N, C-alpha and C. Protein backbone atom coordinates (compact mmCIF):
# COMPACT_ATOMS: atom_id res chain seq x y z
N MET A 1 36.97 49.06 -6.55
CA MET A 1 37.24 47.78 -7.17
C MET A 1 35.98 46.92 -7.07
N LYS A 2 35.71 46.17 -8.12
CA LYS A 2 34.57 45.26 -8.11
C LYS A 2 34.89 44.05 -7.25
N SER A 3 33.81 43.39 -6.81
CA SER A 3 34.00 42.17 -6.04
C SER A 3 33.09 41.07 -6.56
N ILE A 4 33.48 39.85 -6.31
CA ILE A 4 32.62 38.69 -6.51
C ILE A 4 32.33 38.20 -5.10
N ASN A 5 31.09 38.38 -4.68
CA ASN A 5 30.73 38.05 -3.30
C ASN A 5 30.07 36.69 -3.20
N PHE A 6 30.41 35.97 -2.16
CA PHE A 6 29.79 34.69 -1.83
C PHE A 6 29.09 34.85 -0.49
N SER A 7 27.87 34.36 -0.37
CA SER A 7 27.25 34.33 0.94
C SER A 7 27.97 33.26 1.76
N PRO A 8 28.04 33.42 3.07
CA PRO A 8 28.81 32.47 3.89
C PRO A 8 28.40 31.01 3.67
N GLU A 9 27.12 30.76 3.48
CA GLU A 9 26.68 29.37 3.28
C GLU A 9 27.04 28.84 1.90
N ASN A 10 27.39 29.70 0.95
CA ASN A 10 27.72 29.27 -0.41
C ASN A 10 29.21 29.27 -0.71
N TYR A 11 30.02 29.85 0.17
CA TYR A 11 31.46 29.87 -0.10
C TYR A 11 32.02 28.53 0.31
N TYR A 12 32.48 27.78 -0.67
CA TYR A 12 32.98 26.43 -0.40
C TYR A 12 34.45 26.49 -0.05
N CYS A 13 34.81 25.94 1.08
CA CYS A 13 36.22 25.76 1.39
C CYS A 13 36.41 24.36 1.94
N ARG A 14 37.51 23.78 1.59
CA ARG A 14 37.79 22.41 2.01
C ARG A 14 38.14 22.40 3.49
N ALA A 15 37.43 21.60 4.23
CA ALA A 15 37.66 21.51 5.67
C ALA A 15 39.13 21.19 5.95
N GLY A 16 39.73 21.99 6.81
CA GLY A 16 41.11 21.74 7.21
C GLY A 16 42.16 22.27 6.25
N ASP A 17 41.75 22.82 5.11
CA ASP A 17 42.72 23.32 4.13
C ASP A 17 42.63 24.84 4.09
N LYS A 18 43.39 25.50 4.95
CA LYS A 18 43.31 26.96 5.04
C LYS A 18 43.87 27.65 3.79
N ASP A 19 44.63 26.93 2.97
CA ASP A 19 45.21 27.52 1.77
C ASP A 19 44.33 27.34 0.53
N TYR A 20 43.23 26.59 0.66
CA TYR A 20 42.35 26.37 -0.50
C TYR A 20 41.69 27.68 -0.89
N ARG A 21 41.61 27.92 -2.18
CA ARG A 21 40.94 29.11 -2.71
C ARG A 21 39.93 28.68 -3.76
N GLN A 22 38.71 29.17 -3.61
CA GLN A 22 37.69 28.92 -4.63
C GLN A 22 38.21 29.49 -5.94
N GLN A 23 37.99 28.78 -7.06
CA GLN A 23 38.55 29.19 -8.34
C GLN A 23 37.51 29.57 -9.37
N GLY A 24 36.26 29.62 -8.96
CA GLY A 24 35.24 30.01 -9.91
C GLY A 24 33.87 30.03 -9.27
N THR A 25 32.91 30.48 -10.07
CA THR A 25 31.54 30.55 -9.60
C THR A 25 30.59 30.47 -10.78
N VAL A 26 29.37 30.07 -10.51
CA VAL A 26 28.31 30.04 -11.52
C VAL A 26 27.25 31.01 -11.04
N ARG A 27 26.95 32.03 -11.86
CA ARG A 27 25.98 33.05 -11.50
C ARG A 27 24.80 33.01 -12.46
N LEU A 28 23.60 33.20 -11.93
CA LEU A 28 22.40 33.20 -12.75
C LEU A 28 22.36 34.46 -13.61
N GLY A 29 22.11 34.29 -14.90
CA GLY A 29 22.04 35.41 -15.83
C GLY A 29 23.36 35.65 -16.55
N ASP A 30 23.31 36.56 -17.51
CA ASP A 30 24.50 36.95 -18.28
C ASP A 30 25.20 38.09 -17.55
N LYS A 31 26.36 37.84 -17.02
CA LYS A 31 27.11 38.83 -16.24
C LYS A 31 28.25 39.47 -17.03
N THR A 32 28.22 39.34 -18.36
CA THR A 32 29.33 39.87 -19.16
C THR A 32 29.37 41.40 -19.19
N LYS A 33 28.29 42.05 -18.83
CA LYS A 33 28.32 43.52 -18.75
C LYS A 33 28.89 43.98 -17.40
N LYS A 34 28.88 43.10 -16.43
CA LYS A 34 29.39 43.44 -15.10
C LYS A 34 30.86 43.08 -14.93
N TYR A 35 31.27 41.93 -15.45
CA TYR A 35 32.65 41.44 -15.30
C TYR A 35 33.28 41.20 -16.66
N CYS A 36 34.61 41.32 -16.74
CA CYS A 36 35.30 41.01 -17.99
C CYS A 36 36.60 40.27 -17.69
N GLU A 37 37.06 39.53 -18.68
CA GLU A 37 38.30 38.77 -18.54
C GLU A 37 39.46 39.72 -18.28
N ASP A 38 40.44 39.27 -17.53
CA ASP A 38 41.63 40.02 -17.13
C ASP A 38 41.34 41.15 -16.14
N GLU A 39 40.14 41.19 -15.59
CA GLU A 39 39.78 42.19 -14.60
C GLU A 39 40.20 41.70 -13.21
N VAL A 40 40.75 42.60 -12.41
CA VAL A 40 41.13 42.28 -11.04
C VAL A 40 39.93 42.58 -10.14
N VAL A 41 39.59 41.61 -9.28
CA VAL A 41 38.43 41.74 -8.39
C VAL A 41 38.80 41.26 -6.99
N TRP A 42 38.00 41.67 -6.03
CA TRP A 42 38.11 41.11 -4.69
C TRP A 42 37.15 39.94 -4.60
N ILE A 43 37.57 38.86 -3.98
CA ILE A 43 36.68 37.76 -3.63
C ILE A 43 36.28 38.02 -2.18
N THR A 44 34.98 38.18 -1.96
CA THR A 44 34.49 38.53 -0.63
C THR A 44 33.45 37.51 -0.17
N VAL A 45 33.26 37.46 1.13
CA VAL A 45 32.25 36.59 1.74
C VAL A 45 31.46 37.44 2.72
N GLY A 46 30.15 37.35 2.63
CA GLY A 46 29.31 38.07 3.58
C GLY A 46 27.94 38.36 3.03
N LYS A 47 27.12 38.94 3.87
CA LYS A 47 25.76 39.32 3.49
C LYS A 47 25.71 40.82 3.29
N PRO A 48 24.87 41.30 2.36
CA PRO A 48 24.84 42.72 2.03
C PRO A 48 24.68 43.66 3.22
N VAL A 49 23.79 43.39 4.15
CA VAL A 49 23.59 44.32 5.26
C VAL A 49 24.48 44.02 6.47
N ALA A 50 25.06 42.83 6.53
CA ALA A 50 25.88 42.45 7.67
C ALA A 50 27.37 42.71 7.44
N GLY A 51 27.73 43.15 6.26
CA GLY A 51 29.13 43.40 5.95
C GLY A 51 29.77 42.23 5.23
N ARG A 52 30.83 42.53 4.52
CA ARG A 52 31.54 41.53 3.73
C ARG A 52 33.02 41.56 4.11
N LYS A 53 33.63 40.38 4.03
CA LYS A 53 35.06 40.28 4.34
C LYS A 53 35.81 39.92 3.08
N LYS A 54 36.86 40.68 2.79
CA LYS A 54 37.72 40.35 1.65
C LYS A 54 38.53 39.11 2.01
N VAL A 55 38.46 38.09 1.13
CA VAL A 55 39.21 36.86 1.35
C VAL A 55 40.54 36.93 0.61
N TYR A 56 40.49 37.39 -0.63
CA TYR A 56 41.71 37.57 -1.42
C TYR A 56 41.40 38.36 -2.68
N THR A 57 42.45 38.75 -3.39
CA THR A 57 42.34 39.43 -4.67
C THR A 57 42.53 38.40 -5.77
N ALA A 58 41.74 38.52 -6.84
CA ALA A 58 41.82 37.55 -7.93
C ALA A 58 41.76 38.27 -9.27
N ILE A 59 42.15 37.55 -10.30
CA ILE A 59 42.01 38.04 -11.67
C ILE A 59 41.07 37.09 -12.40
N ILE A 60 40.15 37.66 -13.15
CA ILE A 60 39.20 36.84 -13.91
C ILE A 60 39.91 36.30 -15.14
N ASP A 61 39.98 34.98 -15.23
CA ASP A 61 40.66 34.32 -16.34
C ASP A 61 39.73 34.08 -17.52
N ARG A 62 38.51 33.69 -17.23
CA ARG A 62 37.60 33.31 -18.32
C ARG A 62 36.16 33.52 -17.88
N ILE A 63 35.34 33.92 -18.83
CA ILE A 63 33.90 34.08 -18.60
C ILE A 63 33.17 33.33 -19.70
N LEU A 64 32.28 32.43 -19.29
CA LEU A 64 31.50 31.63 -20.23
C LEU A 64 30.02 31.83 -19.94
N VAL A 65 29.24 32.07 -20.97
CA VAL A 65 27.79 32.19 -20.82
C VAL A 65 27.16 30.96 -21.47
N LYS A 66 26.33 30.26 -20.70
CA LYS A 66 25.75 28.99 -21.16
C LYS A 66 24.33 28.83 -20.63
N LYS A 67 23.59 27.93 -21.26
CA LYS A 67 22.35 27.46 -20.66
C LYS A 67 22.75 26.50 -19.54
N ILE A 68 21.93 26.45 -18.52
CA ILE A 68 22.22 25.51 -17.42
C ILE A 68 22.37 24.09 -17.96
N SER A 69 21.54 23.73 -18.92
CA SER A 69 21.58 22.37 -19.46
C SER A 69 22.91 22.05 -20.15
N ASN A 70 23.69 23.07 -20.51
CA ASN A 70 24.97 22.86 -21.19
C ASN A 70 26.18 22.92 -20.27
N LEU A 71 25.95 23.03 -18.97
CA LEU A 71 27.08 23.07 -18.04
C LEU A 71 27.79 21.72 -18.00
N SER A 72 29.10 21.78 -18.00
CA SER A 72 29.90 20.55 -17.90
C SER A 72 30.03 20.15 -16.42
N ARG A 73 30.53 18.96 -16.21
CA ARG A 73 30.78 18.51 -14.83
C ARG A 73 31.77 19.45 -14.14
N GLN A 74 32.77 19.90 -14.87
CA GLN A 74 33.75 20.84 -14.31
C GLN A 74 33.07 22.16 -13.93
N ASP A 75 32.16 22.65 -14.78
CA ASP A 75 31.42 23.88 -14.46
C ASP A 75 30.64 23.71 -13.16
N LEU A 76 29.96 22.57 -13.04
CA LEU A 76 29.15 22.31 -11.84
C LEU A 76 30.02 22.32 -10.59
N GLN A 77 31.17 21.68 -10.69
CA GLN A 77 31.99 21.50 -9.50
C GLN A 77 32.88 22.70 -9.19
N ILE A 78 32.98 23.66 -10.10
CA ILE A 78 33.76 24.86 -9.80
C ILE A 78 33.05 25.67 -8.71
N GLU A 79 31.72 25.57 -8.70
CA GLU A 79 30.95 26.25 -7.65
C GLU A 79 31.07 25.50 -6.33
N ASN A 80 30.93 24.19 -6.39
CA ASN A 80 30.99 23.36 -5.19
C ASN A 80 31.20 21.91 -5.62
N PRO A 81 32.24 21.25 -5.16
CA PRO A 81 32.51 19.87 -5.59
C PRO A 81 31.39 18.89 -5.25
N ASN A 82 30.50 19.28 -4.36
CA ASN A 82 29.38 18.40 -4.01
C ASN A 82 28.23 18.48 -5.01
N ILE A 83 28.27 19.43 -5.93
CA ILE A 83 27.24 19.53 -6.97
C ILE A 83 27.70 18.66 -8.13
N THR A 84 26.92 17.62 -8.43
CA THR A 84 27.33 16.66 -9.45
C THR A 84 26.33 16.50 -10.58
N SER A 85 25.22 17.26 -10.54
CA SER A 85 24.23 17.12 -11.61
C SER A 85 23.59 18.48 -11.92
N ILE A 86 23.01 18.56 -13.10
CA ILE A 86 22.31 19.78 -13.52
C ILE A 86 21.18 20.09 -12.54
N SER A 87 20.44 19.08 -12.13
CA SER A 87 19.32 19.31 -11.22
C SER A 87 19.80 19.85 -9.86
N GLN A 88 20.95 19.37 -9.39
CA GLN A 88 21.50 19.92 -8.15
C GLN A 88 21.91 21.38 -8.33
N MET A 89 22.47 21.73 -9.49
CA MET A 89 22.82 23.13 -9.76
C MET A 89 21.56 23.99 -9.82
N GLN A 90 20.51 23.49 -10.46
CA GLN A 90 19.24 24.23 -10.50
C GLN A 90 18.74 24.50 -9.08
N GLN A 91 18.77 23.49 -8.24
CA GLN A 91 18.31 23.65 -6.85
C GLN A 91 19.18 24.67 -6.11
N PHE A 92 20.49 24.57 -6.30
CA PHE A 92 21.42 25.49 -5.66
C PHE A 92 21.13 26.94 -6.08
N LEU A 93 21.00 27.17 -7.39
CA LEU A 93 20.74 28.52 -7.88
C LEU A 93 19.36 29.01 -7.46
N SER A 94 18.39 28.13 -7.43
CA SER A 94 17.04 28.49 -7.01
C SER A 94 17.05 28.96 -5.55
N ARG A 95 17.76 28.25 -4.69
CA ARG A 95 17.88 28.66 -3.28
C ARG A 95 18.66 29.97 -3.16
N THR A 96 19.75 30.07 -3.89
CA THR A 96 20.61 31.25 -3.79
C THR A 96 19.90 32.51 -4.25
N TYR A 97 19.17 32.43 -5.37
CA TYR A 97 18.52 33.60 -5.95
C TYR A 97 17.04 33.71 -5.58
N ASN A 98 16.54 32.71 -4.83
CA ASN A 98 15.15 32.71 -4.38
C ASN A 98 14.17 32.88 -5.54
N THR A 99 14.41 32.10 -6.60
CA THR A 99 13.55 32.14 -7.78
C THR A 99 13.61 30.77 -8.47
N PRO A 100 12.54 30.38 -9.15
CA PRO A 100 12.59 29.11 -9.88
C PRO A 100 13.65 29.18 -10.99
N VAL A 101 14.37 28.10 -11.18
CA VAL A 101 15.42 28.02 -12.19
C VAL A 101 15.18 26.77 -13.02
N ASN A 102 15.22 26.92 -14.36
CA ASN A 102 15.04 25.74 -15.21
C ASN A 102 16.27 25.54 -16.10
N GLN A 103 16.28 24.43 -16.83
CA GLN A 103 17.46 24.07 -17.63
C GLN A 103 17.74 25.02 -18.79
N ASP A 104 16.76 25.81 -19.18
CA ASP A 104 16.96 26.76 -20.28
C ASP A 104 17.46 28.12 -19.81
N ASP A 105 17.53 28.33 -18.51
CA ASP A 105 18.02 29.61 -18.01
C ASP A 105 19.50 29.77 -18.33
N ILE A 106 19.91 31.01 -18.50
CA ILE A 106 21.29 31.36 -18.82
C ILE A 106 22.07 31.59 -17.52
N VAL A 107 23.29 31.08 -17.49
CA VAL A 107 24.19 31.31 -16.36
C VAL A 107 25.54 31.79 -16.90
N THR A 108 26.29 32.40 -16.02
CA THR A 108 27.65 32.82 -16.35
C THR A 108 28.62 32.06 -15.46
N VAL A 109 29.56 31.38 -16.08
CA VAL A 109 30.63 30.69 -15.36
C VAL A 109 31.82 31.64 -15.34
N ILE A 110 32.24 32.02 -14.15
CA ILE A 110 33.37 32.94 -14.00
C ILE A 110 34.52 32.17 -13.36
N LEU A 111 35.63 32.08 -14.07
CA LEU A 111 36.82 31.39 -13.57
C LEU A 111 37.86 32.43 -13.19
N PHE A 112 38.45 32.29 -12.03
CA PHE A 112 39.42 33.27 -11.56
C PHE A 112 40.57 32.60 -10.83
N THR A 113 41.65 33.36 -10.70
CA THR A 113 42.87 32.88 -10.04
C THR A 113 43.30 33.92 -9.02
N GLU A 114 43.75 33.45 -7.88
CA GLU A 114 44.24 34.35 -6.85
C GLU A 114 45.45 35.13 -7.35
N VAL A 115 45.51 36.41 -7.02
CA VAL A 115 46.67 37.24 -7.32
C VAL A 115 47.56 37.20 -6.07
N LEU A 116 48.74 36.66 -6.22
CA LEU A 116 49.67 36.59 -5.08
C LEU A 116 50.42 37.90 -4.95
N GLU A 117 50.44 38.43 -3.76
CA GLU A 117 51.08 39.74 -3.54
C GLU A 117 52.40 39.59 -2.83
């Protein structure tokens, strides 16, 4: 099964809300060849060499490919509610991917919902 992995420092969870589930992510580049709508995936947290922990199973509801400059406020905050501007998203992606990111770069917004078992 495919997974959408978050590094521990990038997985946003609301302090004190153990039932909160991240509902989306913004990834650098076009990820439509890797993920597709209605696909079931694991949401995991961890680093590649240190191991990953499955947090829950989700289904991908929607995939949007956009320029960073075209991200909506909702797109920005699906990754982290503390990101409120395009420049903050650029900085976030630049740190995450360890590469310069500009407003013309392409990103994929992946929206997902937890599968309740």
